[in-house]
Amino acid sequence: MSHFTKIEGLPELDLQQELNRLVANGILSWHDGKNQICLNTVAGFEDDYILGTGSLTHDWENGVVVIDEYGNQKTIIKEKENPLYEKDFNILCKQFEGTMFETVYNQLRLRYNLGRVRLMKSKSKTCLSWHVDFQPRLHYPIKTQTGCFMVIEDEVKHLAQNEWWWTETTHEHTAFNSSKEDRIHLVATIIGKK
């Protein structure tokens, strides 16, 4: 059984050019090394495309590093006191109104119950931790190249640019970019199908 399924019938647009335009015009920016931009947000935060970045449940920014008796380093991460939930992210951020991203977002909403929809950048020569998500993800690589892979359990896959991929990220997985350029995916959390 494959953990990756190519999805047909969703818009296949050149979002890289649109993203480059929004960044060049100062409408969006990659904040504080988070390497994420969230297309949708919660009520009352319509201008905040950073609110939905990172973990909703764990406070990674305030992790505490401890060293055991053998000199091994470990980071202790506490849970957030007031977490948000995927279902709370149901409003398109104002920065994306009138863009191709709004078109994609609206098409996704016709087919799926969405959580956060994020732009996720993997810098050159980086790898995510081995982890499990609560819901599956839909990936749309908008910038990728040779050396960029997702791994779910023991299956390794390069996701082709401008194609939609259902990914079973409720299993242990990671992604790595061994190329010399950034990799950028649009990643939608899927709460359910309609």
N, C-alpha and C. Protein backbone atom coordinates (compact mmCIF):
# COMPACT_ATOMS: atom_id res chain seq x y z
N MET A 1 0.84 -1.19 0.00
CA MET A 1 0.00 0.00 0.00
C MET A 1 0.88 1.25 0.00
N SER A 2 0.58 2.17 -0.89
CA SER A 2 1.35 3.41 -0.96
C SER A 2 0.76 4.44 0.00
N HIS A 3 1.64 5.22 0.60
CA HIS A 3 1.22 6.32 1.46
C HIS A 3 1.05 7.62 0.68
N PHE A 4 1.25 7.55 -0.64
CA PHE A 4 1.16 8.71 -1.52
C PHE A 4 0.18 8.40 -2.64
N THR A 5 -0.79 9.31 -2.87
CA THR A 5 -1.75 9.13 -3.96
C THR A 5 -1.84 10.44 -4.74
N LYS A 6 -1.61 10.35 -6.04
CA LYS A 6 -1.76 11.54 -6.88
C LYS A 6 -3.24 11.86 -7.02
N ILE A 7 -3.58 13.16 -6.86
CA ILE A 7 -4.97 13.62 -6.90
C ILE A 7 -5.19 14.43 -8.18
N GLU A 8 -6.25 14.10 -8.89
CA GLU A 8 -6.61 14.82 -10.13
C GLU A 8 -7.79 15.75 -9.85
N GLY A 9 -7.97 16.72 -10.74
CA GLY A 9 -9.16 17.56 -10.70
C GLY A 9 -9.05 18.81 -9.84
N LEU A 10 -7.86 19.09 -9.32
CA LEU A 10 -7.64 20.33 -8.58
C LEU A 10 -6.80 21.26 -9.45
N PRO A 11 -6.89 22.58 -9.24
CA PRO A 11 -6.16 23.51 -10.10
C PRO A 11 -4.65 23.30 -10.01
N GLU A 12 -4.02 23.24 -11.17
CA GLU A 12 -2.56 23.11 -11.26
C GLU A 12 -2.03 24.42 -11.82
N LEU A 13 -1.70 25.33 -10.93
CA LEU A 13 -1.30 26.69 -11.29
C LEU A 13 0.15 26.93 -10.91
N ASP A 14 0.77 27.93 -11.57
CA ASP A 14 2.14 28.31 -11.24
C ASP A 14 2.11 29.24 -10.03
N LEU A 15 2.02 28.64 -8.86
CA LEU A 15 1.94 29.42 -7.63
C LEU A 15 3.29 30.02 -7.25
N GLN A 16 4.38 29.48 -7.77
CA GLN A 16 5.70 30.02 -7.45
C GLN A 16 5.82 31.47 -7.92
N GLN A 17 5.37 31.75 -9.12
CA GLN A 17 5.42 33.12 -9.64
C GLN A 17 4.54 34.04 -8.80
N GLU A 18 3.37 33.57 -8.41
CA GLU A 18 2.46 34.38 -7.58
C GLU A 18 3.08 34.65 -6.21
N LEU A 19 3.68 33.62 -5.60
CA LEU A 19 4.34 33.80 -4.31
C LEU A 19 5.50 34.78 -4.43
N ASN A 20 6.31 34.64 -5.46
CA ASN A 20 7.44 35.56 -5.67
C ASN A 20 6.96 37.01 -5.77
N ARG A 21 5.83 37.22 -6.46
CA ARG A 21 5.27 38.57 -6.60
C ARG A 21 4.82 39.12 -5.25
N LEU A 22 4.15 38.29 -4.44
CA LEU A 22 3.67 38.75 -3.13
C LEU A 22 4.82 39.08 -2.19
N VAL A 23 5.88 38.30 -2.25
CA VAL A 23 7.06 38.57 -1.41
C VAL A 23 7.80 39.82 -1.91
N ALA A 24 7.99 39.92 -3.22
CA ALA A 24 8.70 41.08 -3.80
C ALA A 24 7.98 42.39 -3.51
N ASN A 25 6.64 42.35 -3.45
CA ASN A 25 5.85 43.56 -3.18
C ASN A 25 5.66 43.83 -1.69
N GLY A 26 6.28 43.01 -0.84
CA GLY A 26 6.21 43.23 0.61
C GLY A 26 4.89 42.84 1.23
N ILE A 27 4.05 42.10 0.51
CA ILE A 27 2.76 41.68 1.04
C ILE A 27 2.94 40.50 1.99
N LEU A 28 3.90 39.62 1.68
CA LEU A 28 4.22 38.46 2.51
C LEU A 28 5.72 38.44 2.79
N SER A 29 6.09 37.78 3.88
CA SER A 29 7.51 37.51 4.12
C SER A 29 7.62 36.25 4.99
N TRP A 30 8.75 35.60 4.87
CA TRP A 30 9.03 34.42 5.69
C TRP A 30 9.56 34.94 7.02
N HIS A 31 8.75 34.89 8.08
CA HIS A 31 9.08 35.49 9.37
C HIS A 31 9.97 34.63 10.25
N ASP A 32 10.96 35.25 10.87
CA ASP A 32 11.74 34.69 11.99
C ASP A 32 12.15 33.24 11.80
N GLY A 33 12.54 32.86 10.62
CA GLY A 33 13.04 31.52 10.40
C GLY A 33 12.00 30.42 10.51
N LYS A 34 10.72 30.77 10.61
CA LYS A 34 9.68 29.74 10.72
C LYS A 34 9.50 28.98 9.42
N ASN A 35 9.80 29.61 8.31
CA ASN A 35 9.70 28.97 7.01
C ASN A 35 8.28 28.48 6.70
N GLN A 36 7.29 29.16 7.26
CA GLN A 36 5.90 28.84 6.97
C GLN A 36 5.10 30.13 6.82
N ILE A 37 4.11 30.07 5.96
CA ILE A 37 3.13 31.14 5.78
C ILE A 37 1.78 30.45 5.73
N CYS A 38 0.82 30.92 6.51
CA CYS A 38 -0.50 30.28 6.56
C CYS A 38 -1.49 31.08 5.72
N LEU A 39 -2.16 30.39 4.79
CA LEU A 39 -3.14 31.06 3.93
C LEU A 39 -4.41 31.40 4.67
N ASN A 40 -4.74 30.62 5.70
CA ASN A 40 -5.99 30.86 6.42
C ASN A 40 -5.72 31.12 7.90
N THR A 41 -6.72 31.69 8.53
CA THR A 41 -6.55 32.14 9.91
C THR A 41 -7.87 31.97 10.66
N VAL A 42 -7.91 32.51 11.88
CA VAL A 42 -9.11 32.43 12.71
C VAL A 42 -9.79 33.79 12.77
N ALA A 43 -11.06 33.80 13.13
CA ALA A 43 -11.83 35.05 13.22
C ALA A 43 -11.12 36.04 14.14
N GLY A 44 -11.08 37.28 13.69
CA GLY A 44 -10.45 38.35 14.46
C GLY A 44 -8.98 38.55 14.13
N PHE A 45 -8.40 37.68 13.31
CA PHE A 45 -6.99 37.78 12.96
C PHE A 45 -6.81 37.69 11.44
N GLU A 46 -7.68 38.36 10.70
CA GLU A 46 -7.74 38.23 9.25
C GLU A 46 -6.45 38.66 8.54
N ASP A 47 -5.62 39.48 9.17
CA ASP A 47 -4.36 39.93 8.57
C ASP A 47 -3.16 39.09 9.02
N ASP A 48 -3.37 38.10 9.86
CA ASP A 48 -2.26 37.36 10.48
C ASP A 48 -1.99 36.04 9.78
N TYR A 49 -1.05 36.05 8.85
CA TYR A 49 -0.69 34.84 8.13
C TYR A 49 0.42 34.05 8.83
N ILE A 50 0.79 34.49 10.03
CA ILE A 50 1.79 33.79 10.83
C ILE A 50 1.13 32.98 11.96
N LEU A 51 -0.07 33.37 12.37
CA LEU A 51 -0.75 32.72 13.50
C LEU A 51 -0.82 31.20 13.35
N GLY A 52 -1.05 30.71 12.15
CA GLY A 52 -1.21 29.28 11.94
C GLY A 52 0.07 28.53 11.63
N THR A 53 1.21 29.15 11.86
CA THR A 53 2.47 28.47 11.56
C THR A 53 2.98 27.72 12.78
N GLY A 54 3.79 26.72 12.51
CA GLY A 54 4.36 25.94 13.61
C GLY A 54 3.33 25.00 14.22
N SER A 55 3.64 24.53 15.40
CA SER A 55 2.77 23.58 16.09
C SER A 55 1.61 24.31 16.78
N LEU A 56 0.43 23.74 16.68
CA LEU A 56 -0.72 24.30 17.39
C LEU A 56 -0.74 23.86 18.84
N THR A 57 -0.08 22.75 19.15
CA THR A 57 -0.18 22.15 20.48
C THR A 57 1.08 22.27 21.32
N HIS A 58 2.26 22.33 20.69
CA HIS A 58 3.52 22.34 21.44
C HIS A 58 4.26 23.67 21.28
N ASP A 59 4.85 24.14 22.35
CA ASP A 59 5.54 25.43 22.39
C ASP A 59 7.03 25.23 22.09
N TRP A 60 7.33 24.98 20.81
CA TRP A 60 8.72 24.72 20.40
C TRP A 60 9.62 25.93 20.62
N GLU A 61 9.07 27.14 20.54
CA GLU A 61 9.89 28.35 20.68
C GLU A 61 10.46 28.49 22.08
N ASN A 62 9.83 27.89 23.08
CA ASN A 62 10.29 28.02 24.46
C ASN A 62 10.76 26.69 25.03
N GLY A 63 11.28 25.84 24.16
CA GLY A 63 11.81 24.55 24.62
C GLY A 63 13.02 24.76 25.53
N VAL A 64 13.19 23.83 26.45
CA VAL A 64 14.29 23.91 27.40
C VAL A 64 15.27 22.78 27.09
N VAL A 65 16.53 23.13 26.92
CA VAL A 65 17.56 22.14 26.63
C VAL A 65 18.13 21.63 27.96
N VAL A 66 18.15 20.31 28.11
CA VAL A 66 18.73 19.69 29.31
C VAL A 66 19.83 18.72 28.86
N ILE A 67 20.78 18.49 29.74
CA ILE A 67 21.88 17.57 29.45
C ILE A 67 21.88 16.50 30.52
N ASP A 68 21.85 15.24 30.09
CA ASP A 68 21.83 14.13 31.05
C ASP A 68 23.23 13.86 31.61
N GLU A 69 23.32 12.87 32.50
CA GLU A 69 24.59 12.57 33.17
C GLU A 69 25.68 12.09 32.22
N TYR A 70 25.31 11.72 30.98
CA TYR A 70 26.29 11.26 29.99
C TYR A 70 26.68 12.37 29.00
N GLY A 71 26.15 13.56 29.21
CA GLY A 71 26.45 14.68 28.33
C GLY A 71 25.58 14.75 27.09
N ASN A 72 24.52 13.93 27.02
CA ASN A 72 23.61 13.95 25.88
C ASN A 72 22.60 15.08 26.03
N GLN A 73 22.37 15.78 24.95
CA GLN A 73 21.47 16.93 24.95
C GLN A 73 20.07 16.49 24.53
N LYS A 74 19.05 17.01 25.22
CA LYS A 74 17.65 16.74 24.89
C LYS A 74 16.85 18.01 25.09
N THR A 75 15.88 18.25 24.22
CA THR A 75 15.03 19.43 24.35
C THR A 75 13.67 19.01 24.90
N ILE A 76 13.25 19.67 25.96
CA ILE A 76 11.94 19.42 26.58
C ILE A 76 10.96 20.46 26.03
N ILE A 77 9.88 19.98 25.42
CA ILE A 77 8.87 20.86 24.83
C ILE A 77 7.57 20.73 25.61
N LYS A 78 7.08 21.85 26.11
CA LYS A 78 5.81 21.84 26.84
C LYS A 78 4.65 22.07 25.88
N GLU A 79 3.47 21.63 26.31
CA GLU A 79 2.26 21.89 25.53
C GLU A 79 1.82 23.33 25.75
N LYS A 80 1.19 23.93 24.73
CA LYS A 80 0.69 25.30 24.84
C LYS A 80 -0.48 25.35 25.80
N GLU A 81 -0.57 26.43 26.56
CA GLU A 81 -1.67 26.59 27.51
C GLU A 81 -3.01 26.80 26.82
N ASN A 82 -3.01 27.56 25.73
CA ASN A 82 -4.25 27.86 25.00
C ASN A 82 -4.08 27.50 23.53
N PRO A 83 -4.09 26.21 23.23
CA PRO A 83 -3.87 25.81 21.83
C PRO A 83 -5.05 26.16 20.93
N LEU A 84 -4.74 26.38 19.67
CA LEU A 84 -5.78 26.51 18.65
C LEU A 84 -5.95 25.13 18.02
N TYR A 85 -7.00 24.97 17.22
CA TYR A 85 -7.29 23.70 16.59
C TYR A 85 -7.40 23.90 15.08
N GLU A 86 -7.11 22.84 14.33
CA GLU A 86 -7.17 22.93 12.87
C GLU A 86 -8.51 23.48 12.39
N LYS A 87 -9.60 23.04 13.00
CA LYS A 87 -10.93 23.47 12.56
C LYS A 87 -11.16 24.97 12.75
N ASP A 88 -10.36 25.62 13.61
CA ASP A 88 -10.51 27.06 13.86
C ASP A 88 -10.05 27.90 12.67
N PHE A 89 -9.23 27.33 11.80
CA PHE A 89 -8.64 28.09 10.68
C PHE A 89 -9.56 27.98 9.46
N ASN A 90 -10.52 28.91 9.39
CA ASN A 90 -11.54 28.82 8.35
C ASN A 90 -11.77 30.13 7.60
N ILE A 91 -10.83 31.06 7.73
CA ILE A 91 -10.95 32.36 7.06
C ILE A 91 -9.67 32.61 6.26
N LEU A 92 -9.81 32.93 4.97
CA LEU A 92 -8.66 33.24 4.14
C LEU A 92 -8.03 34.55 4.62
N CYS A 93 -6.72 34.56 4.79
CA CYS A 93 -6.02 35.80 5.17
C CYS A 93 -6.18 36.84 4.06
N LYS A 94 -6.30 38.09 4.45
CA LYS A 94 -6.55 39.18 3.50
C LYS A 94 -5.46 39.29 2.44
N GLN A 95 -4.23 38.94 2.79
CA GLN A 95 -3.12 39.06 1.86
C GLN A 95 -3.31 38.19 0.61
N PHE A 96 -4.14 37.15 0.70
CA PHE A 96 -4.32 36.22 -0.41
C PHE A 96 -5.57 36.50 -1.23
N GLU A 97 -6.38 37.48 -0.81
CA GLU A 97 -7.60 37.80 -1.55
C GLU A 97 -7.25 38.29 -2.95
N GLY A 98 -7.96 37.78 -3.96
CA GLY A 98 -7.73 38.20 -5.33
C GLY A 98 -6.50 37.59 -5.98
N THR A 99 -5.90 36.58 -5.34
CA THR A 99 -4.72 35.93 -5.90
C THR A 99 -5.06 34.51 -6.36
N MET A 100 -4.10 33.87 -7.02
CA MET A 100 -4.28 32.47 -7.41
C MET A 100 -4.42 31.58 -6.17
N PHE A 101 -3.84 32.01 -5.05
CA PHE A 101 -3.95 31.23 -3.82
C PHE A 101 -5.41 31.18 -3.35
N GLU A 102 -6.15 32.26 -3.53
CA GLU A 102 -7.57 32.25 -3.18
C GLU A 102 -8.33 31.26 -4.06
N THR A 103 -8.01 31.21 -5.34
CA THR A 103 -8.63 30.26 -6.26
C THR A 103 -8.40 28.83 -5.78
N VAL A 104 -7.16 28.51 -5.44
CA VAL A 104 -6.82 27.17 -4.97
C VAL A 104 -7.53 26.87 -3.66
N TYR A 105 -7.50 27.82 -2.73
CA TYR A 105 -8.14 27.64 -1.42
C TYR A 105 -9.63 27.34 -1.59
N ASN A 106 -10.30 28.11 -2.44
CA ASN A 106 -11.74 27.90 -2.64
C ASN A 106 -12.03 26.55 -3.28
N GLN A 107 -11.19 26.12 -4.22
CA GLN A 107 -11.38 24.80 -4.85
C GLN A 107 -11.16 23.68 -3.82
N LEU A 108 -10.17 23.82 -2.96
CA LEU A 108 -9.94 22.82 -1.92
C LEU A 108 -11.13 22.74 -0.97
N ARG A 109 -11.70 23.89 -0.62
CA ARG A 109 -12.84 23.92 0.31
C ARG A 109 -14.09 23.26 -0.27
N LEU A 110 -14.22 23.25 -1.59
CA LEU A 110 -15.36 22.57 -2.21
C LEU A 110 -15.27 21.06 -2.04
N ARG A 111 -14.06 20.54 -1.92
CA ARG A 111 -13.83 19.09 -1.89
C ARG A 111 -13.54 18.55 -0.50
N TYR A 112 -12.96 19.39 0.36
CA TYR A 112 -12.48 18.92 1.66
C TYR A 112 -12.89 19.86 2.79
N ASN A 113 -13.00 19.30 3.99
CA ASN A 113 -13.05 20.11 5.21
C ASN A 113 -11.60 20.37 5.58
N LEU A 114 -11.22 21.63 5.57
CA LEU A 114 -9.81 22.00 5.73
C LEU A 114 -9.47 22.44 7.13
N GLY A 115 -8.25 22.19 7.50
CA GLY A 115 -7.61 22.84 8.63
C GLY A 115 -6.72 23.92 8.04
N ARG A 116 -5.53 24.04 8.58
CA ARG A 116 -4.60 25.04 8.07
C ARG A 116 -4.12 24.68 6.66
N VAL A 117 -3.95 25.71 5.85
CA VAL A 117 -3.36 25.58 4.53
C VAL A 117 -2.13 26.48 4.54
N ARG A 118 -0.96 25.84 4.43
CA ARG A 118 0.28 26.59 4.62
C ARG A 118 1.24 26.44 3.45
N LEU A 119 2.04 27.47 3.27
CA LEU A 119 3.22 27.39 2.43
C LEU A 119 4.35 26.99 3.35
N MET A 120 5.05 25.91 3.00
CA MET A 120 6.11 25.39 3.86
C MET A 120 7.40 25.33 3.05
N LYS A 121 8.41 26.04 3.55
CA LYS A 121 9.70 26.09 2.87
C LYS A 121 10.70 25.22 3.60
N SER A 122 11.35 24.35 2.85
CA SER A 122 12.46 23.57 3.38
C SER A 122 13.74 24.14 2.79
N LYS A 123 14.60 24.63 3.63
CA LYS A 123 15.86 25.19 3.15
C LYS A 123 16.76 24.07 2.64
N SER A 124 17.71 24.46 1.84
CA SER A 124 18.69 23.53 1.31
C SER A 124 19.39 22.78 2.44
N LYS A 125 19.61 21.49 2.24
CA LYS A 125 20.35 20.63 3.17
C LYS A 125 19.72 20.59 4.56
N THR A 126 18.38 20.43 4.61
CA THR A 126 17.67 20.31 5.89
C THR A 126 16.74 19.10 5.88
N CYS A 127 16.33 18.71 7.09
CA CYS A 127 15.44 17.56 7.27
C CYS A 127 14.52 17.84 8.45
N LEU A 128 13.24 17.46 8.33
CA LEU A 128 12.30 17.57 9.46
C LEU A 128 12.53 16.41 10.43
N SER A 129 12.03 16.59 11.63
CA SER A 129 12.08 15.48 12.60
C SER A 129 11.13 14.37 12.16
N TRP A 130 11.35 13.18 12.67
CA TRP A 130 10.49 12.02 12.43
C TRP A 130 9.26 12.24 13.30
N HIS A 131 8.07 12.36 12.71
CA HIS A 131 6.88 12.72 13.49
C HIS A 131 5.62 12.16 12.86
N VAL A 132 4.50 12.33 13.57
CA VAL A 132 3.18 11.88 13.14
C VAL A 132 2.23 13.07 13.24
N ASP A 133 1.42 13.28 12.20
CA ASP A 133 0.40 14.32 12.22
C ASP A 133 -0.94 13.70 12.63
N PHE A 134 -1.84 14.54 13.14
CA PHE A 134 -3.16 14.06 13.55
C PHE A 134 -4.08 13.80 12.35
N GLN A 135 -3.85 14.54 11.26
CA GLN A 135 -4.67 14.39 10.05
C GLN A 135 -3.74 14.23 8.84
N PRO A 136 -4.28 13.65 7.75
CA PRO A 136 -3.48 13.57 6.53
C PRO A 136 -3.28 14.95 5.92
N ARG A 137 -2.36 15.03 4.99
CA ARG A 137 -2.04 16.29 4.33
C ARG A 137 -2.14 16.13 2.82
N LEU A 138 -2.52 17.22 2.18
CA LEU A 138 -2.48 17.32 0.73
C LEU A 138 -1.29 18.21 0.39
N HIS A 139 -0.39 17.72 -0.45
CA HIS A 139 0.82 18.48 -0.83
C HIS A 139 0.73 18.91 -2.28
N TYR A 140 1.14 20.15 -2.54
CA TYR A 140 1.27 20.67 -3.89
C TYR A 140 2.63 21.36 -3.98
N PRO A 141 3.64 20.66 -4.49
CA PRO A 141 4.96 21.28 -4.61
C PRO A 141 4.94 22.43 -5.60
N ILE A 142 5.27 23.63 -5.13
CA ILE A 142 5.31 24.77 -6.03
C ILE A 142 6.75 25.11 -6.43
N LYS A 143 7.71 24.59 -5.68
CA LYS A 143 9.12 24.68 -6.07
C LYS A 143 9.81 23.46 -5.49
N THR A 144 10.30 22.62 -6.38
CA THR A 144 11.03 21.43 -5.96
C THR A 144 12.05 21.09 -7.02
N GLN A 145 12.95 20.21 -6.67
CA GLN A 145 14.00 19.82 -7.59
C GLN A 145 14.59 18.49 -7.13
N THR A 146 15.50 17.95 -7.93
CA THR A 146 16.16 16.70 -7.60
C THR A 146 16.77 16.80 -6.20
N GLY A 147 16.56 15.77 -5.39
CA GLY A 147 17.12 15.76 -4.03
C GLY A 147 16.11 16.11 -2.95
N CYS A 148 14.85 16.38 -3.33
CA CYS A 148 13.81 16.69 -2.36
C CYS A 148 12.87 15.49 -2.25
N PHE A 149 12.70 14.97 -1.03
CA PHE A 149 11.91 13.77 -0.83
C PHE A 149 11.06 13.85 0.42
N MET A 150 9.93 13.12 0.39
CA MET A 150 9.16 12.82 1.60
C MET A 150 9.36 11.34 1.89
N VAL A 151 9.37 11.01 3.17
CA VAL A 151 9.46 9.63 3.60
C VAL A 151 8.31 9.38 4.56
N ILE A 152 7.46 8.39 4.23
CA ILE A 152 6.40 7.98 5.15
C ILE A 152 6.64 6.50 5.44
N GLU A 153 6.89 6.22 6.71
CA GLU A 153 7.33 4.90 7.15
C GLU A 153 8.55 4.51 6.32
N ASP A 154 8.49 3.47 5.48
CA ASP A 154 9.67 3.08 4.71
C ASP A 154 9.54 3.42 3.22
N GLU A 155 8.58 4.28 2.88
CA GLU A 155 8.36 4.67 1.48
C GLU A 155 8.93 6.06 1.22
N VAL A 156 9.78 6.17 0.22
CA VAL A 156 10.44 7.43 -0.14
C VAL A 156 9.88 7.89 -1.48
N LYS A 157 9.52 9.20 -1.56
CA LYS A 157 8.89 9.70 -2.78
C LYS A 157 9.32 11.14 -3.05
N HIS A 158 9.69 11.39 -4.30
CA HIS A 158 9.86 12.77 -4.76
C HIS A 158 8.51 13.20 -5.33
N LEU A 159 7.94 14.26 -4.80
CA LEU A 159 6.64 14.76 -5.27
C LEU A 159 6.89 15.78 -6.37
N ALA A 160 6.38 15.50 -7.57
CA ALA A 160 6.63 16.36 -8.72
C ALA A 160 5.98 17.72 -8.55
N GLN A 161 6.63 18.73 -9.11
CA GLN A 161 6.14 20.10 -9.04
C GLN A 161 4.82 20.24 -9.78
N ASN A 162 3.91 21.06 -9.21
CA ASN A 162 2.60 21.38 -9.79
C ASN A 162 1.72 20.14 -9.97
N GLU A 163 1.83 19.20 -9.03
CA GLU A 163 0.93 18.05 -8.95
C GLU A 163 0.43 17.94 -7.52
N TRP A 164 -0.82 17.48 -7.36
CA TRP A 164 -1.42 17.32 -6.04
C TRP A 164 -1.18 15.90 -5.54
N TRP A 165 -0.78 15.79 -4.28
CA TRP A 165 -0.49 14.50 -3.67
C TRP A 165 -1.17 14.38 -2.31
N TRP A 166 -2.00 13.33 -2.15
CA TRP A 166 -2.54 12.96 -0.85
C TRP A 166 -1.44 12.21 -0.12
N THR A 167 -1.12 12.63 1.11
CA THR A 167 -0.05 11.98 1.87
C THR A 167 -0.61 11.51 3.21
N GLU A 168 -0.36 10.26 3.52
CA GLU A 168 -0.85 9.65 4.76
C GLU A 168 0.13 9.98 5.90
N THR A 169 0.10 11.23 6.32
CA THR A 169 1.04 11.71 7.34
C THR A 169 0.60 11.37 8.76
N THR A 170 -0.46 10.57 8.88
CA THR A 170 -0.85 10.07 10.20
C THR A 170 0.05 8.90 10.59
N HIS A 171 0.97 8.55 9.72
CA HIS A 171 2.03 7.57 10.00
C HIS A 171 3.34 8.34 10.20
N GLU A 172 4.32 7.69 10.80
CA GLU A 172 5.60 8.35 11.01
C GLU A 172 6.20 8.77 9.67
N HIS A 173 6.70 10.01 9.62
CA HIS A 173 7.20 10.55 8.36
C HIS A 173 8.19 11.69 8.59
N THR A 174 8.83 12.07 7.52
CA THR A 174 9.72 13.22 7.50
C THR A 174 9.79 13.73 6.07
N ALA A 175 10.49 14.82 5.88
CA ALA A 175 10.80 15.34 4.54
C ALA A 175 12.21 15.89 4.61
N PHE A 176 12.93 15.72 3.53
CA PHE A 176 14.28 16.29 3.51
C PHE A 176 14.58 16.92 2.17
N ASN A 177 15.43 17.93 2.22
CA ASN A 177 15.86 18.66 1.05
C ASN A 177 17.38 18.57 0.98
N SER A 178 17.87 17.65 0.17
CA SER A 178 19.31 17.51 0.04
C SER A 178 19.84 18.28 -1.17
N SER A 179 18.99 19.11 -1.75
CA SER A 179 19.40 19.91 -2.91
C SER A 179 20.11 21.18 -2.45
N LYS A 180 20.47 22.02 -3.40
CA LYS A 180 21.17 23.28 -3.10
C LYS A 180 20.25 24.48 -3.21
N GLU A 181 18.93 24.24 -3.29
CA GLU A 181 17.93 25.31 -3.37
C GLU A 181 16.81 25.04 -2.38
N ASP A 182 16.05 26.09 -2.07
CA ASP A 182 14.88 25.92 -1.22
C ASP A 182 13.82 25.10 -1.94
N ARG A 183 13.03 24.38 -1.17
CA ARG A 183 11.88 23.63 -1.67
C ARG A 183 10.65 24.24 -1.01
N ILE A 184 9.57 24.48 -1.75
CA ILE A 184 8.36 25.08 -1.20
C ILE A 184 7.15 24.25 -1.62
N HIS A 185 6.36 23.82 -0.62
CA HIS A 185 5.11 23.10 -0.88
C HIS A 185 3.95 23.89 -0.29
N LEU A 186 2.81 23.83 -0.96
CA LEU A 186 1.55 24.23 -0.35
C LEU A 186 1.03 22.97 0.32
N VAL A 187 0.73 23.05 1.61
CA VAL A 187 0.33 21.87 2.38
C VAL A 187 -1.00 22.16 3.07
N ALA A 188 -2.00 21.34 2.74
CA ALA A 188 -3.34 21.52 3.33
C ALA A 188 -3.63 20.38 4.30
N THR A 189 -4.03 20.75 5.52
CA THR A 189 -4.48 19.75 6.49
C THR A 189 -5.91 19.36 6.13
N ILE A 190 -6.14 18.05 6.00
CA ILE A 190 -7.46 17.57 5.60
C ILE A 190 -8.16 16.99 6.83
N ILE A 191 -9.22 17.68 7.27
CA ILE A 191 -10.01 17.21 8.40
C ILE A 191 -11.00 16.15 7.95
N GLY A 192 -11.49 16.28 6.72
CA GLY A 192 -12.41 15.29 6.18
C GLY A 192 -12.76 15.63 4.73
N LYS A 193 -13.33 14.66 4.04
CA LYS A 193 -13.79 14.87 2.66
C LYS A 193 -15.26 15.26 2.69
N LYS A 194 -15.70 16.01 1.68
CA LYS A 194 -17.11 16.41 1.59
C LYS A 194 -17.87 15.46 0.71
